[in-house]
Amino acid sequence: MALWLVRGGKLGEHEDRFFTTERIYLTWDNLGTTELEKAKDYPGIRAMAAKLMEGDSPSRIGNTAGQWWAFTLGMQAGDIFVLPRKNKGMIAIGEIAGPATFDPCADLAYWHSRPVKWLVKDVPRTAFDKDLLFSFGAIMTICEIKRNDAEKRVREFLAHGAVGNAPKPAKAGTEADELNSQVDMEEMARDQIAKTIIAKFKGHGMAQLVEAVLLAQGYYTHTSPPGPDKGVDILAAPGPLGFGSPRLCVQVKSSDGPVDSPTLSQLIGTMQTFQADHGLLVSWGGFKQSVYQQLASQFFRVRLWDREALINEILRNYDKLDADIRAELPLKQIWTLALAESSE
């Protein structure tokens, strides 16, 4: 059995299809061949890649062929895989349920697919240790994750809700291991920021952090004290005394689990009680699908911030945040070389 990394597009644009169809796809736009599933080994797949990628460097061809091989021949029924959800701050975990198949009636990016069984779709990234997140951050679209007993530890999480300790560092690996170890540094940095936020701003502190962001955006705020909040954590409005519009009613949830539609319904009711124009629901653990379904009818009144959205707002307004907040969350902007993504 093995553990694989699978991505749903550079921007996560294929993830919804992965979930709704219970399939994963080899989403290369240039993969215009019907022969892939007929290949018997890596050399055969590399020959197809070389033909389709004529003019590309041998290393790029080999990298692409390796990922196609992993999808069509490497994965086996019963293997598990992780899918980092690009814009959700979550990890989905699934199990390979069958062989790769070809559907010529589908759009080009969905010609080649595998049936899967989704085991969990919304595990917070903070549930995993740093070494596993490092592996999950590989720039490859598809690759096997072998280091530090990754498969065993992910299966332990599935069975018991906890990840086992990492073993001692292994010796230097193969060239393929080194390639897979190239990571999305931005993603890793955001993981570190997220761990610091949840460590220092859990519970009522999260409401204080959201309040700091709203203050930086020019709102005048009132925050409920710790304890029962009667459905509202923050009231906010623009203007020197907060008498302007729009008037916001904000509810903040710092738990790891996603919130469901009753929480959104509660916010909508609270908006009426406080005569708010708009509502903002902040959930560190994200939202269940029922919330997104209900949100459509409230599009002009309510907005949602999950972990990623909150981090985006913190980064966007960081220089304007209160000095005490910046002291608790010390950040600096750096420039780093952008690695070419090994993907579709």
Protein backbone atom coordinates (compact mmCIF):
# COMPACT_ATOMS: atom_id res chain seq x y z
CA MET A 1 0.00 0.00 0.00
CA ALA A 2 1.14 3.57 -0.63
CA LEU A 3 0.33 7.22 0.10
CA TRP A 4 0.04 9.63 -2.83
CA LEU A 5 -0.21 13.38 -3.23
CA VAL A 6 -2.83 14.57 -5.73
CA ARG A 7 -3.66 18.17 -6.60
CA GLY A 8 -6.84 19.57 -8.12
CA GLY A 9 -5.20 22.21 -10.32
CA LYS A 10 -2.81 25.10 -9.72
CA LEU A 11 -5.68 27.18 -8.31
CA GLY A 12 -7.80 24.31 -7.03
CA GLU A 13 -10.10 24.74 -10.03
CA HIS A 14 -10.75 21.00 -10.43
CA GLU A 15 -11.42 20.15 -6.79
CA ASP A 16 -15.23 20.43 -6.93
CA ARG A 17 -15.34 17.98 -9.82
CA PHE A 18 -13.09 15.58 -7.92
CA PHE A 19 -15.59 15.57 -5.05
CA THR A 20 -18.89 15.53 -6.95
CA THR A 21 -17.89 12.74 -9.37
CA GLU A 22 -15.87 10.74 -6.80
CA ARG A 23 -13.03 10.54 -9.28
CA ILE A 24 -9.58 12.06 -9.59
CA TYR A 25 -8.31 13.23 -12.96
CA LEU A 26 -5.05 13.61 -14.84
CA THR A 27 -5.76 17.25 -15.67
CA TRP A 28 -3.08 18.00 -18.25
CA ASP A 29 -4.56 20.08 -21.08
CA ASN A 30 -2.02 18.71 -23.56
CA LEU A 31 -2.64 15.05 -22.76
CA GLY A 32 -4.37 14.38 -26.05
CA THR A 33 -3.79 10.65 -26.27
CA THR A 34 -6.11 7.68 -25.98
CA GLU A 35 -3.23 5.26 -25.44
CA LEU A 36 -2.13 6.10 -21.91
CA GLU A 37 -4.12 3.37 -20.17
CA LYS A 38 -2.68 0.82 -22.60
CA ALA A 39 0.90 1.50 -21.51
CA LYS A 40 2.62 -1.39 -19.74
CA ASP A 41 5.55 0.41 -18.12
CA TYR A 42 7.33 3.71 -17.56
CA PRO A 43 9.37 3.62 -20.82
CA GLY A 44 6.13 3.34 -22.79
CA ILE A 45 4.63 6.32 -20.99
CA ARG A 46 7.82 8.35 -21.37
CA ALA A 47 7.75 7.70 -25.11
CA MET A 48 4.21 9.13 -25.25
CA ALA A 49 5.28 12.14 -23.22
CA ALA A 50 8.29 12.76 -25.48
CA LYS A 51 6.04 12.70 -28.54
CA LEU A 52 3.45 15.07 -27.05
CA MET A 53 6.10 17.37 -25.53
CA GLU A 54 8.44 17.56 -28.50
CA GLY A 55 10.92 20.37 -27.94
CA ASP A 56 10.76 20.30 -24.14
CA SER A 57 13.82 19.43 -22.06
CA PRO A 58 14.48 15.77 -21.17
CA SER A 59 14.11 16.57 -17.46
CA ARG A 60 10.68 18.14 -17.94
CA ILE A 61 9.57 15.23 -20.12
CA GLY A 62 10.81 12.76 -17.50
CA ASN A 63 9.09 14.67 -14.70
CA THR A 64 5.78 14.68 -16.55
CA ALA A 65 6.07 11.03 -17.57
CA GLY A 66 6.73 10.08 -13.95
CA GLN A 67 3.49 11.71 -12.85
CA TRP A 68 1.52 10.07 -15.65
CA TRP A 69 3.03 6.71 -14.67
CA ALA A 70 2.09 7.29 -11.02
CA PHE A 71 -1.52 7.95 -11.99
CA THR A 72 -2.00 5.13 -14.48
CA LEU A 73 0.29 2.35 -13.21
CA GLY A 74 1.72 3.31 -9.83
CA MET A 75 -1.51 3.80 -7.91
CA GLN A 76 -3.28 0.64 -6.80
CA ALA A 77 -6.75 0.01 -5.40
CA GLY A 78 -6.59 0.42 -1.63
CA ASP A 79 -3.83 3.04 -1.71
CA ILE A 80 -4.69 6.31 0.01
CA PHE A 81 -3.98 9.85 -1.15
CA VAL A 82 -4.06 13.38 0.21
CA LEU A 83 -5.52 16.34 -1.67
CA PRO A 84 -4.46 19.74 -0.26
CA ARG A 85 -7.46 21.99 -0.84
CA LYS A 86 -5.94 25.05 -2.44
CA ASN A 87 -8.23 27.77 -1.10
CA LYS A 88 -9.70 26.10 1.98
CA GLY A 89 -6.77 25.51 4.32
CA MET A 90 -7.89 21.88 4.54
CA ILE A 91 -6.64 18.44 3.55
CA ALA A 92 -8.92 15.86 1.95
CA ILE A 93 -8.02 12.16 2.16
CA GLY A 94 -9.32 9.49 -0.19
CA GLU A 95 -8.76 5.89 -1.21
CA ILE A 96 -8.08 4.63 -4.73
CA ALA A 97 -11.07 2.49 -5.72
CA GLY A 98 -10.18 1.23 -9.19
CA PRO A 99 -7.95 1.42 -12.29
CA ALA A 100 -7.41 4.40 -14.57
CA THR A 101 -10.01 4.74 -17.33
CA PHE A 102 -10.42 6.84 -20.46
CA ASP A 103 -13.55 8.83 -21.40
CA PRO A 104 -13.31 10.45 -24.87
CA CYS A 105 -16.65 12.24 -24.33
CA ALA A 106 -15.31 14.32 -21.44
CA ASP A 107 -13.46 17.62 -21.70
CA LEU A 108 -9.77 17.16 -22.48
CA ALA A 109 -8.65 17.78 -18.88
CA TYR A 110 -10.95 14.97 -17.70
CA TRP A 111 -10.20 12.25 -20.26
CA HIS A 112 -8.14 10.17 -17.81
CA SER A 113 -9.56 9.40 -14.38
CA ARG A 114 -9.69 6.98 -11.48
CA PRO A 115 -12.64 6.16 -9.19
CA VAL A 116 -12.01 7.03 -5.55
CA LYS A 117 -13.70 6.82 -2.18
CA TRP A 118 -13.51 10.02 -0.15
CA LEU A 119 -12.69 9.25 3.49
CA VAL A 120 -12.57 12.83 4.84
CA LYS A 121 -12.79 16.11 2.94
CA ASP A 122 -12.08 18.80 5.50
CA VAL A 123 -9.18 17.98 7.84
CA PRO A 124 -7.51 21.20 9.07
CA ARG A 125 -3.89 21.43 7.99
CA THR A 126 -3.01 22.08 11.62
CA ALA A 127 -3.92 18.44 12.38
CA PHE A 128 -0.67 17.31 10.75
CA ASP A 129 2.91 17.72 11.89
CA LYS A 130 5.29 20.04 10.10
CA ASP A 131 7.19 17.24 8.37
CA LEU A 132 4.00 15.84 6.82
CA LEU A 133 2.87 19.31 5.71
CA PHE A 134 6.30 19.72 4.12
CA SER A 135 5.68 16.56 2.07
CA PHE A 136 2.13 17.65 1.25
CA GLY A 137 3.64 20.89 -0.08
CA ALA A 138 5.61 19.21 -2.88
CA ILE A 139 5.27 21.16 -6.12
CA MET A 140 4.38 17.99 -8.03
CA THR A 141 0.76 17.52 -9.07
CA ILE A 142 0.98 13.75 -8.45
CA CYS A 143 3.68 11.92 -6.53
CA GLU A 144 4.18 9.23 -3.90
CA ILE A 145 4.92 10.38 -0.35
CA LYS A 146 7.35 7.99 1.34
CA ARG A 147 9.36 9.93 3.90
CA ASN A 148 8.96 9.67 7.66
CA ASP A 149 6.44 6.80 7.61
CA ALA A 150 3.93 9.16 6.01
CA GLU A 151 1.48 6.47 4.91
CA LYS A 152 1.44 4.77 8.33
CA ARG A 153 0.89 8.07 10.12
CA VAL A 154 -1.92 9.22 7.84
CA ARG A 155 -3.64 5.86 8.29
CA GLU A 156 -3.23 6.31 12.07
CA PHE A 157 -4.98 9.64 11.74
CA LEU A 158 -7.84 8.04 9.83
CA ALA A 159 -8.19 5.34 12.47
CA HIS A 160 -7.68 7.36 15.65
CA GLY A 161 -7.86 11.06 14.73
CA ALA A 162 -4.19 11.59 15.65
CA VAL A 163 -0.89 11.46 13.81
CA GLY A 164 2.01 9.39 15.13
CA ASN A 165 5.40 10.91 15.86
CA ALA A 166 7.87 11.36 13.04
CA PRO A 167 10.78 8.90 12.96
CA LYS A 168 14.39 10.04 12.90
CA PRO A 169 15.40 11.74 9.62
CA ALA A 170 16.25 9.29 6.89
CA LYS A 171 19.44 9.32 4.86
CA ALA A 172 19.58 11.23 1.60
CA GLY A 173 17.18 9.79 -0.94
CA THR A 174 17.12 9.32 -4.68
CA GLU A 175 17.00 12.02 -7.33
CA ALA A 176 13.23 11.52 -7.53
CA ASP A 177 12.99 12.08 -3.77
CA GLU A 178 14.91 15.33 -4.12
CA LEU A 179 12.59 16.49 -6.88
CA ASN A 180 9.53 15.66 -4.80
CA SER A 181 11.03 17.56 -1.86
CA GLN A 182 10.82 20.86 -3.72
CA VAL A 183 7.94 22.56 -1.99
CA ASP A 184 5.59 25.46 -2.35
CA MET A 185 7.33 27.85 0.03
CA GLU A 186 4.34 30.19 0.17
CA GLU A 187 2.13 27.32 1.30
CA MET A 188 4.64 26.31 3.97
CA ALA A 189 4.90 29.89 5.21
CA ARG A 190 1.12 30.13 5.49
CA ASP A 191 1.08 26.89 7.48
CA GLN A 192 3.54 28.43 9.95
CA ILE A 193 1.43 31.59 10.16
CA ALA A 194 -1.70 29.49 10.72
CA LYS A 195 -0.09 27.48 13.54
CA THR A 196 0.98 30.70 15.27
CA ILE A 197 -2.46 32.24 14.92
CA ILE A 198 -4.33 29.28 16.37
CA ALA A 199 -1.76 28.96 19.19
CA LYS A 200 -2.01 32.61 20.23
CA PHE A 201 -5.54 33.62 19.25
CA LYS A 202 -7.68 30.59 20.08
CA GLY A 203 -11.15 31.29 21.50
CA HIS A 204 -11.93 34.94 22.26
CA GLY A 205 -8.50 35.91 20.92
CA MET A 206 -9.70 35.06 17.42
CA ALA A 207 -12.47 37.66 17.76
CA GLN A 208 -9.87 40.19 18.88
CA LEU A 209 -7.76 39.37 15.82
CA VAL A 210 -10.74 39.80 13.47
CA GLU A 211 -11.56 43.07 15.23
CA ALA A 212 -8.00 44.27 14.61
CA VAL A 213 -8.42 43.55 10.89
CA LEU A 214 -11.71 45.47 10.78
CA LEU A 215 -10.13 48.41 12.62
CA ALA A 216 -7.31 48.39 10.05
CA GLN A 217 -9.94 48.52 7.32
CA GLY A 218 -11.42 51.68 8.83
CA TYR A 219 -14.30 50.31 10.91
CA TYR A 220 -15.32 51.45 14.38
CA THR A 221 -15.99 48.34 16.44
CA HIS A 222 -17.57 46.94 19.58
CA THR A 223 -16.49 43.46 20.69
CA SER A 224 -18.39 41.31 23.15
CA PRO A 225 -16.44 40.30 26.27
CA PRO A 226 -15.37 36.67 26.77
CA GLY A 227 -18.26 34.34 27.55
CA PRO A 228 -21.72 33.92 26.01
CA ASP A 229 -21.99 36.37 23.12
CA LYS A 230 -25.73 36.15 22.33
CA GLY A 231 -24.93 35.35 18.69
CA VAL A 232 -22.62 38.29 17.99
CA ASP A 233 -18.90 38.72 18.64
CA ILE A 234 -18.28 42.05 16.90
CA LEU A 235 -20.39 44.98 15.75
CA ALA A 236 -18.68 47.24 13.23
CA ALA A 237 -19.46 50.28 11.10
CA PRO A 238 -17.36 52.92 9.32
CA GLY A 239 -16.98 56.52 10.41
CA PRO A 240 -15.31 58.18 13.42
CA LEU A 241 -18.05 57.08 15.83
CA GLY A 242 -19.31 54.06 13.91
CA PHE A 243 -22.52 55.71 12.70
CA GLY A 244 -21.87 55.08 9.00
CA SER A 245 -22.85 52.26 6.69
CA PRO A 246 -22.56 49.38 6.12
CA ARG A 247 -23.26 48.15 9.63
CA LEU A 248 -21.71 44.73 10.22
CA CYS A 249 -22.63 41.93 12.58
CA VAL A 250 -19.72 39.49 12.95
CA GLN A 251 -19.65 35.98 14.39
CA VAL A 252 -16.26 34.30 14.93
CA LYS A 253 -15.61 30.57 15.41
CA SER A 254 -12.07 29.45 16.23
CA SER A 255 -12.67 25.69 16.43
CA ASP A 256 -10.94 23.32 13.98
CA GLY A 257 -14.18 21.76 12.74
CA PRO A 258 -16.28 23.31 9.94
CA VAL A 259 -19.49 25.09 10.99
CA ASP A 260 -22.88 24.13 9.61
CA SER A 261 -25.95 25.98 8.34
CA PRO A 262 -27.61 26.60 11.78
CA THR A 263 -24.65 28.85 12.62
CA LEU A 264 -25.31 30.91 9.50
CA SER A 265 -29.02 31.03 10.30
CA GLN A 266 -28.20 32.29 13.79
CA LEU A 267 -26.06 35.08 12.32
CA ILE A 268 -28.87 36.13 9.96
CA GLY A 269 -31.28 36.29 12.88
CA THR A 270 -28.79 38.31 14.93
CA MET A 271 -28.37 40.76 12.05
CA GLN A 272 -32.07 41.56 12.30
CA THR A 273 -31.88 41.98 16.08
CA PHE A 274 -29.02 44.48 15.82
CA GLN A 275 -30.35 46.14 12.65
CA ALA A 276 -27.16 45.28 10.76
CA ASP A 277 -26.90 45.77 7.01
CA HIS A 278 -24.51 42.88 6.49
CA GLY A 279 -23.09 39.87 8.27
CA LEU A 280 -19.63 38.33 8.38
CA LEU A 281 -19.19 34.73 9.53
CA VAL A 282 -15.59 33.84 10.34
CA SER A 283 -14.78 30.15 10.84
CA TRP A 284 -11.18 29.01 11.28
CA GLY A 285 -12.27 25.44 10.57
CA GLY A 286 -14.14 26.34 7.38
CA PHE A 287 -17.73 25.60 6.42
CA LYS A 288 -19.83 22.58 5.59
CA GLN A 289 -21.41 22.37 2.17
CA SER A 290 -24.83 23.22 3.66
CA VAL A 291 -23.50 26.70 4.51
CA TYR A 292 -22.46 27.36 0.92
CA GLN A 293 -25.84 26.13 -0.30
CA GLN A 294 -27.65 28.50 2.04
CA LEU A 295 -25.29 31.37 1.24
CA ALA A 296 -26.60 31.80 -2.32
CA SER A 297 -29.84 33.31 -1.05
CA GLN A 298 -27.86 35.65 1.23
CA PHE A 299 -25.26 36.76 -1.32
CA PHE A 300 -25.99 40.49 -0.95
CA ARG A 301 -26.03 40.34 2.86
CA VAL A 302 -23.47 37.83 4.17
CA ARG A 303 -19.82 37.02 3.59
CA LEU A 304 -17.72 34.08 4.82
CA TRP A 305 -14.10 34.08 5.94
CA ASP A 306 -12.40 30.72 6.41
CA ARG A 307 -8.81 30.27 7.53
CA GLU A 308 -7.35 31.24 4.18
CA ALA A 309 -9.55 34.31 3.79
CA LEU A 310 -8.67 35.53 7.28
CA ILE A 311 -4.93 35.07 6.64
CA ASN A 312 -5.33 36.96 3.35
CA GLU A 313 -6.96 39.88 5.18
CA ILE A 314 -4.27 39.85 7.87
CA LEU A 315 -1.51 39.99 5.26
CA ARG A 316 -3.33 42.65 3.23
CA ASN A 317 -3.75 44.91 6.27
CA TYR A 318 -0.73 43.88 8.34
CA ASP A 319 1.01 47.27 8.37
CA LYS A 320 -2.17 48.87 9.77
CA LEU A 321 -2.78 46.32 12.52
CA ASP A 322 -2.47 47.30 16.17
CA ALA A 323 1.12 47.14 17.44
CA ASP A 324 0.19 44.58 20.11
CA ILE A 325 -1.27 42.26 17.46
CA ARG A 326 1.85 42.61 15.31
CA ALA A 327 3.99 41.82 18.33
CA GLU A 328 2.05 38.59 18.87
CA LEU A 329 2.18 37.77 15.15
CA PRO A 330 5.54 39.07 13.88
CA LEU A 331 5.71 38.80 10.10
CA LYS A 332 8.01 40.10 7.41
CA GLN A 333 7.73 40.06 3.63
CA ILE A 334 10.50 38.37 1.67
CA TRP A 335 11.23 37.67 -1.98
CA THR A 336 12.09 34.16 -3.09
CA LEU A 337 12.70 32.49 -6.43
CA ALA A 338 9.51 31.07 -7.92
CA LEU A 339 10.06 27.43 -8.79
CA ALA A 340 8.52 26.15 -12.00
CA GLU A 341 5.53 24.06 -10.98
CA SER A 342 5.72 20.41 -11.97
CA SER A 343 2.10 20.20 -12.96
CA GLU A 344 -0.41 20.33 -15.78
